[in-house]
Amino acid sequence: MTLLQDRTADTDHPVLDVIAERWSTRVFDTDTALDDAALAAALEAARWAPSANNSQPWRFIVARRGSAPHATLVDALGGFNKAWARDAGALVVFVAETAREDGTPQRWAEYDTGQASAYFSLQAHASGLATHQMGGFDHDAVARAFELPENLEPVTIIAVGTLGSHDGISNELRQRENAPRTRRALEASVIVDA
């Protein structure tokens, strides 16, 4: 497998290796089966994410490559995501339970679901899997396809699988994969530090 370059972030302050090394690829190995144990560990990590009042307002749709649900999710993807995400070993939809069954709103549901997706991504990386989160998809189409009630809102889809070879990828994909990893300076992100 030919990698384009080391993708470890050049951080201003020390962080855990799993954070600095994790990055969002768009190149997945279509010949390697998804590591079921690594996927289960990533889902388990997501399950243990913190949530307001321990409400755990997340649900997961796991669609493996080659399945009808996977094809449904690929169809719901927008733009450039369709071109590469179909190769992922699985597409995992993170769904927020925005209201309880009795109609009581869960104000922090999307935030908590975001934490679950972050835990998933970090554990997947630590377990040797590659990931890429996507917001570019038809949320309504996913909700309809999986018959989600109104209180369940698709938040993000994470492509997960084995990192693929960069040999033979398109120039557009190569440019995106080689783009520098950048972040706004910490000082520009902190509003108040009293």
Protein backbone atom coordinates (compact mmCIF):
# COMPACT_ATOMS: atom_id res chain seq x y z
CA MET A 1 0.00 0.00 0.00
CA THR A 2 1.38 3.38 -0.97
CA LEU A 3 0.56 6.21 1.41
CA LEU A 4 0.95 9.75 0.22
CA GLN A 5 2.57 11.14 3.36
CA ASP A 6 2.58 11.05 7.14
CA ARG A 7 -0.72 12.59 8.20
CA THR A 8 0.14 13.18 11.87
CA ALA A 9 -1.00 16.66 12.94
CA ASP A 10 1.64 19.20 13.90
CA THR A 11 -0.02 20.33 17.14
CA ASP A 12 0.88 23.46 19.10
CA HIS A 13 0.55 21.55 22.38
CA PRO A 14 1.01 17.84 23.17
CA VAL A 15 -2.08 15.69 22.63
CA LEU A 16 -2.68 11.95 22.69
CA ASP A 17 -1.17 10.15 19.69
CA VAL A 18 -4.60 8.78 18.71
CA ILE A 19 -5.83 12.36 18.31
CA ALA A 20 -2.79 13.67 16.40
CA GLU A 21 -2.63 10.65 14.08
CA ARG A 22 -6.36 10.39 13.27
CA TRP A 23 -7.36 11.95 9.98
CA SER A 24 -10.21 11.62 7.51
CA THR A 25 -9.27 9.58 4.46
CA ARG A 26 -11.27 9.24 1.29
CA VAL A 27 -9.44 6.09 0.15
CA PHE A 28 -10.64 2.70 1.40
CA ASP A 29 -9.43 -0.80 0.52
CA THR A 30 -12.22 -2.57 -1.36
CA ASP A 31 -10.48 -5.96 -1.21
CA THR A 32 -10.19 -6.18 2.58
CA ALA A 33 -13.15 -7.28 4.66
CA LEU A 34 -14.10 -4.99 7.51
CA ASP A 35 -12.53 -6.05 10.81
CA ASP A 36 -15.64 -6.97 12.83
CA ALA A 37 -13.84 -6.82 16.18
CA ALA A 38 -12.45 -3.34 15.44
CA LEU A 39 -15.89 -2.13 14.33
CA ALA A 40 -17.49 -3.58 17.48
CA ALA A 41 -14.86 -1.83 19.62
CA ALA A 42 -15.58 1.50 17.89
CA LEU A 43 -19.32 1.09 18.47
CA GLU A 44 -18.63 0.16 22.09
CA ALA A 45 -16.54 3.31 22.53
CA ALA A 46 -19.41 5.36 21.07
CA ARG A 47 -21.78 3.71 23.53
CA TRP A 48 -19.61 4.95 26.42
CA ALA A 49 -19.50 8.58 25.31
CA PRO A 50 -20.75 11.10 27.87
CA SER A 51 -24.28 12.44 27.55
CA ALA A 52 -26.53 14.89 29.39
CA ASN A 53 -28.28 13.12 32.27
CA ASN A 54 -26.80 9.87 30.95
CA SER A 55 -29.61 9.93 28.38
CA GLN A 56 -27.49 8.25 25.66
CA PRO A 57 -29.65 9.81 22.91
CA TRP A 58 -27.92 8.09 20.00
CA ARG A 59 -28.70 5.21 17.71
CA PHE A 60 -26.53 3.66 15.01
CA ILE A 61 -27.36 2.31 11.57
CA VAL A 62 -24.52 0.04 10.45
CA ALA A 63 -24.58 -0.70 6.71
CA ARG A 64 -21.84 -2.98 5.40
CA ARG A 65 -20.44 -2.70 1.89
CA GLY A 66 -22.36 -4.94 -0.49
CA SER A 67 -25.64 -4.75 1.44
CA ALA A 68 -28.86 -3.07 0.34
CA PRO A 69 -28.70 -0.58 3.27
CA HIS A 70 -25.16 0.39 2.19
CA ALA A 71 -26.38 1.07 -1.37
CA THR A 72 -29.27 3.12 0.05
CA LEU A 73 -26.85 5.28 2.04
CA VAL A 74 -24.50 5.73 -0.94
CA ASP A 75 -27.50 6.96 -2.95
CA ALA A 76 -28.30 9.49 -0.20
CA LEU A 77 -24.76 10.93 -0.20
CA GLY A 78 -24.16 14.30 -1.79
CA GLY A 79 -21.67 15.38 -4.41
CA PHE A 80 -18.11 14.16 -4.16
CA ASN A 81 -18.90 11.90 -1.17
CA LYS A 82 -20.61 9.42 -3.52
CA ALA A 83 -17.42 9.01 -5.56
CA TRP A 84 -15.33 7.59 -2.73
CA ALA A 85 -17.53 6.60 0.26
CA ARG A 86 -19.01 3.62 -1.57
CA ASP A 87 -15.64 1.89 -1.11
CA ALA A 88 -15.79 2.00 2.71
CA GLY A 89 -16.26 -1.31 4.51
CA ALA A 90 -19.31 0.17 6.21
CA LEU A 91 -21.26 3.37 6.46
CA VAL A 92 -22.47 4.15 9.97
CA VAL A 93 -25.26 6.66 10.47
CA PHE A 94 -25.26 8.41 13.84
CA VAL A 95 -28.86 9.21 14.73
CA ALA A 96 -29.91 11.58 17.53
CA GLU A 97 -33.03 10.95 19.59
CA THR A 98 -34.12 14.59 19.75
CA ALA A 99 -37.21 13.87 21.87
CA ARG A 100 -38.20 11.05 24.16
CA GLU A 101 -41.11 8.82 23.19
CA ASP A 102 -43.41 10.95 25.39
CA GLY A 103 -42.42 14.06 23.35
CA THR A 104 -40.07 15.59 25.94
CA PRO A 105 -37.32 17.39 23.97
CA GLN A 106 -33.73 16.28 24.48
CA ARG A 107 -31.98 19.58 23.88
CA TRP A 108 -28.45 18.18 23.88
CA ALA A 109 -29.16 15.10 21.75
CA GLU A 110 -27.26 16.23 18.67
CA TYR A 111 -24.29 17.41 20.73
CA ASP A 112 -24.20 14.11 22.63
CA THR A 113 -24.49 12.15 19.38
CA GLY A 114 -21.53 14.15 18.09
CA GLN A 115 -19.53 13.04 21.12
CA ALA A 116 -20.48 9.43 20.38
CA SER A 117 -19.25 9.84 16.80
CA ALA A 118 -15.96 11.33 18.06
CA TYR A 119 -15.43 8.41 20.45
CA PHE A 120 -16.23 6.04 17.56
CA SER A 121 -13.67 7.74 15.30
CA LEU A 122 -10.88 7.72 17.87
CA GLN A 123 -11.43 4.07 18.83
CA ALA A 124 -11.66 3.04 15.18
CA HIS A 125 -8.30 4.73 14.54
CA ALA A 126 -6.75 3.09 17.61
CA SER A 127 -8.05 -0.26 16.32
CA GLY A 128 -6.46 0.20 12.90
CA LEU A 129 -9.49 1.41 10.95
CA ALA A 130 -9.78 4.56 8.87
CA THR A 131 -12.80 6.88 9.08
CA HIS A 132 -14.33 9.93 7.45
CA GLN A 133 -17.35 11.80 8.80
CA MET A 134 -19.84 13.31 6.37
CA GLY A 135 -22.61 15.84 6.78
CA GLY A 136 -23.23 16.01 3.03
CA PHE A 137 -26.17 13.66 2.62
CA ASP A 138 -29.93 13.82 2.21
CA HIS A 139 -31.07 13.57 5.83
CA ASP A 140 -34.74 13.19 4.89
CA ALA A 141 -33.99 10.38 2.43
CA VAL A 142 -32.11 8.46 5.14
CA ALA A 143 -34.93 8.99 7.63
CA ARG A 144 -37.48 7.72 5.08
CA ALA A 145 -35.38 4.77 3.93
CA PHE A 146 -34.92 3.49 7.48
CA GLU A 147 -38.43 4.49 8.61
CA LEU A 148 -37.13 6.67 11.43
CA PRO A 149 -39.82 8.30 13.57
CA GLU A 150 -39.82 12.11 13.83
CA ASN A 151 -37.85 12.06 17.09
CA LEU A 152 -34.86 10.31 15.44
CA GLU A 153 -32.68 12.66 13.36
CA PRO A 154 -29.72 11.47 11.22
CA VAL A 155 -26.77 13.67 12.21
CA THR A 156 -23.72 12.31 10.41
CA ILE A 157 -22.56 9.33 8.37
CA ILE A 158 -19.12 7.90 9.06
CA ALA A 159 -17.36 5.88 6.37
CA VAL A 160 -15.22 3.25 8.08
CA GLY A 161 -12.87 0.57 6.77
CA THR A 162 -9.31 -0.32 5.98
CA LEU A 163 -7.13 2.44 4.54
CA GLY A 164 -6.72 1.81 0.82
CA SER A 165 -3.80 2.14 -1.53
CA HIS A 166 -3.21 5.55 -3.02
CA ASP A 167 -1.84 3.98 -6.19
CA GLY A 168 -4.06 4.83 -9.15
CA ILE A 169 -6.39 7.29 -7.41
CA SER A 170 -7.70 10.28 -9.37
CA ASN A 171 -5.80 13.57 -9.35
CA GLU A 172 -8.71 15.27 -7.56
CA LEU A 173 -8.67 12.65 -4.83
CA ARG A 174 -4.87 12.80 -4.61
CA GLN A 175 -5.01 16.58 -4.12
CA ARG A 176 -7.58 16.25 -1.34
CA GLU A 177 -5.65 13.48 0.37
CA ASN A 178 -2.44 15.51 0.17
CA ALA A 179 -3.95 18.79 1.36
CA PRO A 180 -2.20 20.10 4.47
CA ARG A 181 -3.88 19.43 7.79
CA THR A 182 -4.73 22.82 9.19
CA ARG A 183 -6.62 24.26 12.13
CA ARG A 184 -7.38 27.75 13.33
CA ALA A 185 -4.90 28.85 15.98
CA LEU A 186 -5.98 27.97 19.51
CA GLU A 187 -5.88 31.62 20.47
CA ALA A 188 -8.36 32.41 17.69
CA SER A 189 -10.72 29.70 18.94
CA VAL A 190 -10.83 30.77 22.60
CA ILE A 191 -13.38 33.51 23.19
CA VAL A 192 -12.64 34.03 26.90
CA ASP A 193 -9.70 32.78 28.92
CA ALA A 194 -10.10 34.54 32.27
